[in-house]
Amino acid sequence: MTEEEWLTTNDAQRLLSFVKGIATLRKARLLRVAPARLNWTESASYEQYQFAIEAGEKHADGEVSDEKLQQLSGEMYRTISTRVREINSNSSLKIATFLSLAAVQNSRMISSFSGVSWNEAIRHIGGDLPTILHCLFGNPFRPVAFDPRWRTDTAVGIAQQMYDARDFNAMPILADALQDAGCEHTDILNHCRNNQEFGPVSGASSGPNATHVRGCWVVDLVLGKS
């Protein structure tokens, strides 16, 4: 994949194939969980779904073991097997089931469940897989050399609060804190301020409603995560 293709393509499978080669295990796990987190309200259909999403996020940070995640995955499969007809007759519930199940999978990527593609599921919730990938990985062809002097107590505090709360509304405030610390890196500031730093990807987020997810490349840089 070329840089131009990364910045402009909407081909979810090509993007996924590319990130398989560059993603850390943590990033790969958060990639599986991010769409389910964006579908949090729909996942309330079964309390077990939201529990699975939270477990998937904790697993990415080493707070839930592989064994526990495998146990949760088995419990979800058993629950789903008793409600197949109900799930397949309700498109929103089917999407929620697919995304929540993906959140507790140990494999690095998951592509389908009950005939629902991951990208279809993401589009259903108003998001777009390329947008999520851009948030997680930035522009892999131009890695950012993050100056440790930008990692002030204020910037770290803002980033950690957003990470813990899974609420990224303070991204523009993080941009201000980084700029106050001397950061003038265009890609970093644009991403924080929800400006379109990439090419014309259909469905990509920009403006005040841009999509940010746990594992956001800028937040990770501030927190020293990989």
Protein backbone atom coordinates (compact mmCIF):
# COMPACT_ATOMS: atom_id res chain seq x y z
CA MET A 1 0.00 0.00 0.00
CA THR A 2 1.21 3.50 -0.83
CA GLU A 3 0.80 6.59 1.30
CA GLU A 4 -1.75 8.03 -1.13
CA GLU A 5 -3.81 4.85 -0.95
CA TRP A 6 -3.71 4.88 2.86
CA LEU A 7 -4.94 8.48 2.89
CA THR A 8 -7.70 8.13 0.30
CA THR A 9 -8.94 4.56 -0.05
CA ASN A 10 -12.24 3.32 1.30
CA ASP A 11 -11.28 -0.33 0.76
CA ALA A 12 -11.60 -1.65 4.30
CA GLN A 13 -10.05 -5.03 3.57
CA ARG A 14 -6.93 -3.51 2.00
CA LEU A 15 -6.54 -1.22 4.99
CA LEU A 16 -6.97 -4.09 7.43
CA SER A 17 -4.45 -6.20 5.55
CA PHE A 18 -1.97 -3.34 5.74
CA VAL A 19 -2.37 -2.63 9.46
CA LYS A 20 -1.94 -6.31 10.28
CA GLY A 21 1.71 -5.77 9.45
CA ILE A 22 2.21 -2.65 11.58
CA ALA A 23 -0.19 -2.96 14.52
CA THR A 24 1.03 -3.80 17.98
CA LEU A 25 -1.09 -6.40 19.71
CA ARG A 26 -2.62 -3.65 21.87
CA LYS A 27 -3.60 -1.60 18.81
CA ALA A 28 -5.05 -4.66 17.09
CA ARG A 29 -7.15 -5.43 20.16
CA LEU A 30 -8.38 -1.85 20.45
CA LEU A 31 -9.24 -1.88 16.76
CA ARG A 32 -11.59 -4.81 17.42
CA VAL A 33 -13.17 -3.03 20.38
CA ALA A 34 -13.55 0.49 18.96
CA PRO A 35 -16.61 -0.15 16.74
CA ALA A 36 -18.39 -1.87 19.61
CA ARG A 37 -17.68 1.07 21.92
CA LEU A 38 -19.13 3.42 19.29
CA ASN A 39 -22.20 1.17 19.29
CA TRP A 40 -22.46 1.30 23.10
CA THR A 41 -26.14 2.30 23.27
CA GLU A 42 -27.28 -0.45 20.92
CA SER A 43 -25.21 -2.99 22.86
CA ALA A 44 -27.43 -2.36 25.90
CA SER A 45 -29.84 -4.93 24.42
CA TYR A 46 -27.99 -7.45 26.55
CA GLU A 47 -25.96 -6.33 29.57
CA GLN A 48 -23.46 -9.04 28.67
CA TYR A 49 -22.58 -7.16 25.47
CA GLN A 50 -21.43 -4.04 27.30
CA PHE A 51 -19.53 -6.16 29.80
CA ALA A 52 -17.74 -7.79 26.86
CA ILE A 53 -16.79 -4.39 25.40
CA GLU A 54 -15.32 -3.22 28.70
CA ALA A 55 -13.44 -6.50 29.08
CA GLY A 56 -12.02 -6.17 25.58
CA GLU A 57 -10.68 -2.70 26.38
CA LYS A 58 -9.15 -3.88 29.66
CA HIS A 59 -7.62 -6.87 27.90
CA ALA A 60 -5.82 -4.53 25.50
CA ASP A 61 -4.16 -2.87 28.49
CA GLY A 62 -3.33 -6.15 30.20
CA GLU A 63 -5.98 -5.77 32.90
CA VAL A 64 -7.95 -8.86 31.79
CA SER A 65 -6.15 -12.13 31.07
CA ASP A 66 -6.32 -14.14 27.86
CA GLU A 67 -8.03 -16.91 29.82
CA LYS A 68 -10.73 -14.57 31.14
CA LEU A 69 -11.36 -13.15 27.69
CA GLN A 70 -11.66 -16.65 26.27
CA GLN A 71 -14.15 -17.50 29.01
CA LEU A 72 -16.24 -14.42 28.18
CA SER A 73 -16.13 -15.27 24.49
CA GLY A 74 -17.44 -18.75 25.21
CA GLU A 75 -20.22 -17.35 27.38
CA MET A 76 -21.25 -14.98 24.59
CA TYR A 77 -21.34 -17.76 22.03
CA ARG A 78 -23.56 -19.79 24.34
CA THR A 79 -25.89 -16.84 24.85
CA ILE A 80 -26.04 -16.15 21.13
CA SER A 81 -26.75 -19.78 20.30
CA THR A 82 -29.94 -19.68 22.36
CA ARG A 83 -31.16 -16.47 20.70
CA VAL A 84 -30.16 -16.93 17.07
CA ARG A 85 -33.68 -16.40 15.70
CA GLU A 86 -34.21 -13.24 17.75
CA ILE A 87 -30.82 -11.83 16.74
CA ASN A 88 -31.15 -12.61 13.04
CA SER A 89 -34.61 -11.04 12.88
CA ASN A 90 -33.40 -7.69 14.26
CA SER A 91 -30.74 -5.93 12.18
CA SER A 92 -29.66 -3.54 14.96
CA LEU A 93 -29.35 -6.38 17.45
CA LYS A 94 -27.45 -8.42 14.87
CA ILE A 95 -24.96 -5.60 14.42
CA ALA A 96 -24.60 -5.17 18.19
CA THR A 97 -24.05 -8.90 18.58
CA PHE A 98 -21.36 -8.98 15.93
CA LEU A 99 -19.45 -5.99 17.30
CA SER A 100 -19.66 -7.10 20.94
CA LEU A 101 -18.50 -10.58 20.04
CA ALA A 102 -15.58 -9.13 18.07
CA ALA A 103 -14.53 -7.22 21.20
CA VAL A 104 -13.76 -10.44 23.08
CA GLN A 105 -12.03 -12.34 20.29
CA ASN A 106 -8.39 -13.28 20.83
CA SER A 107 -7.58 -13.40 17.13
CA ARG A 108 -5.97 -10.23 15.79
CA MET A 109 -8.76 -9.54 13.30
CA ILE A 110 -12.31 -10.73 12.80
CA SER A 111 -14.15 -10.25 9.51
CA SER A 112 -17.65 -11.64 9.78
CA PHE A 113 -20.38 -13.05 11.97
CA SER A 114 -23.78 -14.27 10.79
CA GLY A 115 -23.21 -12.75 7.38
CA VAL A 116 -22.52 -9.25 8.71
CA SER A 117 -19.23 -7.71 7.59
CA TRP A 118 -17.29 -5.57 10.03
CA ASN A 119 -17.34 -2.57 7.71
CA GLU A 120 -21.10 -2.93 7.21
CA ALA A 121 -21.53 -2.96 10.97
CA ILE A 122 -19.42 0.16 11.37
CA ARG A 123 -21.28 2.02 8.64
CA HIS A 124 -24.53 1.08 10.38
CA ILE A 125 -23.52 3.08 13.45
CA GLY A 126 -22.58 6.14 11.42
CA GLY A 127 -18.86 5.48 11.50
CA ASP A 128 -16.41 4.29 8.93
CA LEU A 129 -13.60 1.78 9.29
CA PRO A 130 -11.01 3.94 7.48
CA THR A 131 -11.83 6.76 9.89
CA ILE A 132 -11.23 4.51 12.88
CA LEU A 133 -7.98 3.23 11.39
CA HIS A 134 -6.79 6.79 10.75
CA CYS A 135 -7.54 7.68 14.36
CA LEU A 136 -5.64 4.65 15.65
CA PHE A 137 -2.63 4.78 13.34
CA GLY A 138 -2.39 8.33 11.98
CA ASN A 139 -0.23 8.32 8.87
CA PRO A 140 2.11 5.31 9.19
CA PHE A 141 4.15 6.59 6.25
CA ARG A 142 5.13 9.71 8.18
CA PRO A 143 5.68 8.71 11.81
CA VAL A 144 5.79 11.59 14.26
CA ALA A 145 8.86 12.16 16.40
CA PHE A 146 7.15 13.20 19.62
CA ASP A 147 9.23 15.63 21.67
CA PRO A 148 9.15 14.59 25.35
CA ARG A 149 8.96 18.28 26.27
CA TRP A 150 5.42 18.31 24.89
CA ARG A 151 4.45 15.71 27.49
CA THR A 152 3.62 18.24 30.20
CA ASP A 153 1.58 17.44 33.31
CA THR A 154 -1.34 19.34 31.77
CA ALA A 155 -1.23 17.48 28.46
CA VAL A 156 -0.83 14.11 30.14
CA GLY A 157 -3.67 14.86 32.56
CA ILE A 158 -6.06 15.77 29.75
CA ALA A 159 -5.10 12.74 27.68
CA GLN A 160 -5.38 10.34 30.61
CA GLN A 161 -8.80 11.68 31.59
CA MET A 162 -10.10 11.18 28.04
CA TYR A 163 -8.57 7.72 27.85
CA ASP A 164 -10.08 6.60 31.14
CA ALA A 165 -13.52 8.10 30.41
CA ARG A 166 -13.61 7.01 26.74
CA ASP A 167 -14.75 10.58 26.07
CA PHE A 168 -12.67 12.56 23.59
CA ASN A 169 -14.52 15.87 23.59
CA ALA A 170 -11.46 17.53 25.14
CA MET A 171 -9.25 16.82 22.11
CA PRO A 172 -9.16 20.53 21.10
CA ILE A 173 -8.11 21.38 24.67
CA LEU A 174 -5.33 18.82 24.37
CA ALA A 175 -4.20 20.60 21.20
CA ASP A 176 -3.98 23.88 23.13
CA ALA A 177 -1.96 22.20 25.90
CA LEU A 178 0.43 20.67 23.39
CA GLN A 179 0.82 23.97 21.58
CA ASP A 180 1.52 25.72 24.87
CA ALA A 181 4.29 23.15 25.39
CA GLY A 182 5.82 24.10 22.04
CA CYS A 183 4.23 21.55 19.70
CA GLU A 184 3.54 22.98 16.25
CA HIS A 185 3.25 19.66 14.43
CA THR A 186 0.44 20.11 11.92
CA ASP A 187 -0.78 16.49 11.90
CA ILE A 188 -1.00 16.37 15.71
CA LEU A 189 -2.83 19.67 16.06
CA ASN A 190 -5.18 18.99 13.15
CA HIS A 191 -6.14 15.61 14.53
CA CYS A 192 -6.85 17.07 17.96
CA ARG A 193 -8.90 19.91 16.52
CA ASN A 194 -10.89 17.59 14.27
CA ASN A 195 -9.58 19.11 11.07
CA GLN A 196 -9.36 16.79 8.06
CA GLU A 197 -5.69 15.81 7.99
CA PHE A 198 -6.23 13.09 5.38
CA GLY A 199 -7.47 12.97 1.83
CA PRO A 200 -11.09 12.77 0.67
CA VAL A 201 -12.14 9.53 2.35
CA SER A 202 -15.88 9.09 1.99
CA GLY A 203 -17.43 9.12 5.44
CA ALA A 204 -14.26 10.27 7.18
CA SER A 205 -14.91 12.45 10.19
CA SER A 206 -13.98 16.10 10.38
CA GLY A 207 -15.38 19.10 12.20
CA PRO A 208 -16.89 19.00 15.70
CA ASN A 209 -18.31 15.49 15.36
CA ALA A 210 -15.09 13.74 14.31
CA THR A 211 -14.60 10.21 15.54
CA HIS A 212 -11.91 9.51 18.14
CA VAL A 213 -11.45 6.13 19.79
CA ARG A 214 -9.40 4.55 22.54
CA GLY A 215 -5.96 4.05 21.07
CA CYS A 216 -6.05 7.39 19.21
CA TRP A 217 -2.51 7.90 17.91
CA VAL A 218 -2.14 11.38 19.41
CA VAL A 219 -3.44 10.41 22.85
CA ASP A 220 -1.15 7.38 22.78
CA LEU A 221 1.86 9.57 21.97
CA VAL A 222 1.07 11.84 24.92
CA LEU A 223 0.62 8.87 27.27
CA GLY A 224 3.63 6.99 25.92
CA LYS A 225 1.56 4.02 24.74
CA SER A 226 2.20 1.92 21.65
